[in-house]
Amino acid sequence: HQITHDEPTDAKLGYQIETSKLAEQVMQGLGAFLAELEAIKEGNGTLLDRSLVMAFSDTGYAKIHSIENIPIFLAGGAGGRHKAGQHIAGKGEAVTRVSLTAQQLAGASVGEFGQGAMRTARPITELMA
């Protein structure tokens, strides 16, 4: 955590080199985890086909703890309920919309999620098959 605050942004590259390397290692680990789920056969598909994995960073730019442009993604088919393979820009919407969507894709009967300004009852329907 401390390196995100202390490491300077490389003036030529425009990003924090060591922090970016750490993020790459985390993403490689997540990729390996998803590959393991994909390798486990279950019925006529895989465990990943039947699962839903939500992954995200808690900030858009860790150095200043920005809550804008937080990267979030969903992986897996959720038993056929998730329409995968899309990029949807949040355009300033509450990030809790993704959490609500994930809960509904996983089969939970949840109609709203979040508190205060982050409360939403609007799932991202483009992700629902």
C-alpha atoms as a PDB file:
ATOM      1  CA  HIS A   1       0.000   0.000   0.000  1.00  0.00           C
ATOM      2  CA  GLN A   2       2.701   2.467   0.969  1.00  0.00           C
ATOM      3  CA  ILE A   3       4.505   2.166  -2.369  1.00  0.00           C
ATOM      4  CA  THR A   4       1.446   3.523  -4.178  1.00  0.00           C
ATOM      5  CA  HIS A   5       1.775   6.729  -2.172  1.00  0.00           C
ATOM      6  CA  ASP A   6       5.560   7.044  -2.105  1.00  0.00           C
ATOM      7  CA  GLU A   7       6.608   5.918  -5.579  1.00  0.00           C
ATOM      8  CA  PRO A   8       6.850   8.843  -7.991  1.00  0.00           C
ATOM      9  CA  THR A   9       5.132   8.675 -11.356  1.00  0.00           C
ATOM     10  CA  ASP A  10       7.715   8.166 -14.099  1.00  0.00           C
ATOM     11  CA  ALA A  11       7.713  11.445 -16.044  1.00  0.00           C
ATOM     12  CA  LYS A  12       8.468   9.767 -19.382  1.00  0.00           C
ATOM     13  CA  LEU A  13       6.110   6.790 -19.055  1.00  0.00           C
ATOM     14  CA  GLY A  14       3.324   8.522 -17.137  1.00  0.00           C
ATOM     15  CA  TYR A  15       2.810   5.778 -14.549  1.00  0.00           C
ATOM     16  CA  GLN A  16       4.384   4.262 -11.425  1.00  0.00           C
ATOM     17  CA  ILE A  17       6.731   1.495 -12.578  1.00  0.00           C
ATOM     18  CA  GLU A  18       6.983  -0.663  -9.420  1.00  0.00           C
ATOM     19  CA  THR A  19       3.321  -0.254  -8.553  1.00  0.00           C
ATOM     20  CA  SER A  20       2.426  -1.327 -12.092  1.00  0.00           C
ATOM     21  CA  LYS A  21       4.634  -4.422 -11.768  1.00  0.00           C
ATOM     22  CA  LEU A  22       2.815  -5.391  -8.580  1.00  0.00           C
ATOM     23  CA  ALA A  23      -0.552  -4.916 -10.276  1.00  0.00           C
ATOM     24  CA  GLU A  24       0.650  -7.112 -13.147  1.00  0.00           C
ATOM     25  CA  GLN A  25       1.593  -9.891 -10.707  1.00  0.00           C
ATOM     26  CA  VAL A  26      -1.835  -9.723  -9.091  1.00  0.00           C
ATOM     27  CA  MET A  27      -3.525  -9.940 -12.489  1.00  0.00           C
ATOM     28  CA  GLN A  28      -1.339 -12.909 -13.458  1.00  0.00           C
ATOM     29  CA  GLY A  29      -2.434 -14.677 -10.268  1.00  0.00           C
ATOM     30  CA  LEU A  30      -6.062 -13.938 -11.017  1.00  0.00           C
ATOM     31  CA  GLY A  31      -5.589 -15.218 -14.570  1.00  0.00           C
ATOM     32  CA  ALA A  32      -4.102 -18.444 -13.221  1.00  0.00           C
ATOM     33  CA  PHE A  33      -7.056 -18.838 -10.852  1.00  0.00           C
ATOM     34  CA  LEU A  34      -9.543 -18.357 -13.697  1.00  0.00           C
ATOM     35  CA  ALA A  35      -7.597 -20.850 -15.846  1.00  0.00           C
ATOM     36  CA  GLU A  36      -7.887 -23.404 -13.036  1.00  0.00           C
ATOM     37  CA  LEU A  37     -11.645 -22.893 -12.879  1.00  0.00           C
ATOM     38  CA  GLU A  38     -11.828 -23.247 -16.657  1.00  0.00           C
ATOM     39  CA  ALA A  39      -9.839 -26.507 -16.494  1.00  0.00           C
ATOM     40  CA  ILE A  40     -12.305 -28.217 -14.165  1.00  0.00           C
ATOM     41  CA  LYS A  41     -14.929 -29.979 -16.265  1.00  0.00           C
ATOM     42  CA  GLU A  42     -18.445 -29.969 -14.919  1.00  0.00           C
ATOM     43  CA  GLY A  43     -21.214 -31.509 -16.974  1.00  0.00           C
ATOM     44  CA  ASN A  44     -21.094 -30.169 -20.518  1.00  0.00           C
ATOM     45  CA  GLY A  45     -19.066 -27.127 -19.442  1.00  0.00           C
ATOM     46  CA  THR A  46     -16.548 -26.041 -16.841  1.00  0.00           C
ATOM     47  CA  LEU A  47     -16.594 -24.764 -13.305  1.00  0.00           C
ATOM     48  CA  LEU A  48     -15.926 -21.260 -14.680  1.00  0.00           C
ATOM     49  CA  ASP A  49     -19.002 -21.581 -16.900  1.00  0.00           C
ATOM     50  CA  ARG A  50     -21.068 -22.192 -13.782  1.00  0.00           C
ATOM     51  CA  SER A  51     -19.332 -19.591 -11.590  1.00  0.00           C
ATOM     52  CA  LEU A  52     -19.124 -15.831 -11.414  1.00  0.00           C
ATOM     53  CA  VAL A  53     -15.930 -14.142 -10.230  1.00  0.00           C
ATOM     54  CA  MET A  54     -15.891 -10.414  -9.543  1.00  0.00           C
ATOM     55  CA  ALA A  55     -12.499  -8.722  -9.417  1.00  0.00           C
ATOM     56  CA  PHE A  56     -11.685  -5.071  -8.885  1.00  0.00           C
ATOM     57  CA  SER A  57      -9.324  -2.531  -7.505  1.00  0.00           C
ATOM     58  CA  ASP A  58     -10.562  -0.347  -4.696  1.00  0.00           C
ATOM     59  CA  THR A  59      -9.336   2.789  -6.483  1.00  0.00           C
ATOM     60  CA  GLY A  60      -8.993   4.170  -9.983  1.00  0.00           C
ATOM     61  CA  TYR A  61      -5.579   5.727  -9.254  1.00  0.00           C
ATOM     62  CA  ALA A  62      -4.071   4.289  -6.081  1.00  0.00           C
ATOM     63  CA  LYS A  63      -1.578   7.102  -5.456  1.00  0.00           C
ATOM     64  CA  ILE A  64      -4.421   9.462  -4.511  1.00  0.00           C
ATOM     65  CA  HIS A  65      -7.130   6.882  -3.707  1.00  0.00           C
ATOM     66  CA  SER A  66      -9.257   8.118  -6.599  1.00  0.00           C
ATOM     67  CA  ILE A  67     -12.704   6.578  -6.802  1.00  0.00           C
ATOM     68  CA  GLU A  68     -13.082   7.496 -10.467  1.00  0.00           C
ATOM     69  CA  ASN A  69     -12.507   4.898 -13.186  1.00  0.00           C
ATOM     70  CA  ILE A  70     -12.279   1.949 -10.808  1.00  0.00           C
ATOM     71  CA  PRO A  71     -11.512  -1.145 -12.884  1.00  0.00           C
ATOM     72  CA  ILE A  72     -14.025  -3.918 -12.194  1.00  0.00           C
ATOM     73  CA  PHE A  73     -14.679  -7.071 -14.139  1.00  0.00           C
ATOM     74  CA  LEU A  74     -16.808 -10.149 -13.998  1.00  0.00           C
ATOM     75  CA  ALA A  75     -15.571 -13.506 -15.265  1.00  0.00           C
ATOM     76  CA  GLY A  76     -17.465 -16.729 -15.753  1.00  0.00           C
ATOM     77  CA  GLY A  77     -20.799 -17.677 -17.162  1.00  0.00           C
ATOM     78  CA  ALA A  78     -22.884 -17.716 -13.963  1.00  0.00           C
ATOM     79  CA  GLY A  79     -24.664 -20.815 -15.222  1.00  0.00           C
ATOM     80  CA  GLY A  80     -25.628 -19.115 -18.477  1.00  0.00           C
ATOM     81  CA  ARG A  81     -26.897 -15.906 -16.861  1.00  0.00           C
ATOM     82  CA  HIS A  82     -23.818 -13.729 -17.605  1.00  0.00           C
ATOM     83  CA  LYS A  83     -23.343 -12.232 -21.054  1.00  0.00           C
ATOM     84  CA  ALA A  84     -19.520 -12.075 -20.968  1.00  0.00           C
ATOM     85  CA  GLY A  85     -16.984 -10.524 -23.327  1.00  0.00           C
ATOM     86  CA  GLN A  86     -18.061  -6.900 -23.056  1.00  0.00           C
ATOM     87  CA  HIS A  87     -16.547  -3.634 -21.892  1.00  0.00           C
ATOM     88  CA  ILE A  88     -19.032  -1.248 -20.346  1.00  0.00           C
ATOM     89  CA  ALA A  89     -17.842   2.188 -19.284  1.00  0.00           C
ATOM     90  CA  GLY A  90     -19.428   3.279 -16.030  1.00  0.00           C
ATOM     91  CA  LYS A  91     -19.550   6.948 -17.051  1.00  0.00           C
ATOM     92  CA  GLY A  92     -19.730   8.177 -13.467  1.00  0.00           C
ATOM     93  CA  GLU A  93     -22.401   5.714 -12.326  1.00  0.00           C
ATOM     94  CA  ALA A  94     -22.175   4.210  -8.833  1.00  0.00           C
ATOM     95  CA  VAL A  95     -19.831   1.215  -8.767  1.00  0.00           C
ATOM     96  CA  THR A  96     -22.414  -0.559  -6.638  1.00  0.00           C
ATOM     97  CA  ARG A  97     -24.321  -1.236  -9.862  1.00  0.00           C
ATOM     98  CA  VAL A  98     -21.699  -3.885 -10.651  1.00  0.00           C
ATOM     99  CA  SER A  99     -22.115  -5.494  -7.227  1.00  0.00           C
ATOM    100  CA  LEU A 100     -25.898  -5.532  -7.579  1.00  0.00           C
ATOM    101  CA  THR A 101     -25.563  -7.049 -11.046  1.00  0.00           C
ATOM    102  CA  ALA A 102     -23.157  -9.724  -9.787  1.00  0.00           C
ATOM    103  CA  GLN A 103     -25.524 -10.674  -6.979  1.00  0.00           C
ATOM    104  CA  GLN A 104     -28.437 -11.010  -9.378  1.00  0.00           C
ATOM    105  CA  LEU A 105     -26.336 -12.999 -11.866  1.00  0.00           C
ATOM    106  CA  ALA A 106     -25.379 -15.350  -9.039  1.00  0.00           C
ATOM    107  CA  GLY A 107     -29.079 -15.952  -8.401  1.00  0.00           C
ATOM    108  CA  ALA A 108     -29.596 -13.833  -5.279  1.00  0.00           C
ATOM    109  CA  SER A 109     -33.009 -12.180  -5.053  1.00  0.00           C
ATOM    110  CA  VAL A 110     -31.600  -8.730  -4.281  1.00  0.00           C
ATOM    111  CA  GLY A 111     -33.433  -5.652  -5.535  1.00  0.00           C
ATOM    112  CA  GLU A 112     -31.064  -2.943  -4.336  1.00  0.00           C
ATOM    113  CA  PHE A 113     -27.553  -2.578  -2.975  1.00  0.00           C
ATOM    114  CA  GLY A 114     -25.389   0.084  -1.330  1.00  0.00           C
ATOM    115  CA  GLN A 115     -25.949   2.959   1.031  1.00  0.00           C
ATOM    116  CA  GLY A 116     -26.493   6.684   0.664  1.00  0.00           C
ATOM    117  CA  ALA A 117     -25.398   8.082  -2.698  1.00  0.00           C
ATOM    118  CA  MET A 118     -24.087   4.634  -3.659  1.00  0.00           C
ATOM    119  CA  ARG A 119     -27.483   2.931  -3.232  1.00  0.00           C
ATOM    120  CA  THR A 120     -28.795   1.539  -6.485  1.00  0.00           C
ATOM    121  CA  ALA A 121     -31.666  -0.573  -7.735  1.00  0.00           C
ATOM    122  CA  ARG A 122     -30.349  -0.546 -11.337  1.00  0.00           C
ATOM    123  CA  PRO A 123     -28.376  -3.612 -12.412  1.00  0.00           C
ATOM    124  CA  ILE A 124     -26.335  -3.460 -15.599  1.00  0.00           C
ATOM    125  CA  THR A 125     -28.812  -5.293 -17.796  1.00  0.00           C
ATOM    126  CA  GLU A 126     -26.404  -5.476 -20.747  1.00  0.00           C
ATOM    127  CA  LEU A 127     -24.520  -8.135 -18.742  1.00  0.00           C
ATOM    128  CA  MET A 128     -27.567 -10.327 -18.235  1.00  0.00           C
ATOM    129  CA  ALA A 129     -28.234 -13.118 -20.684  1.00  0.00           C
END
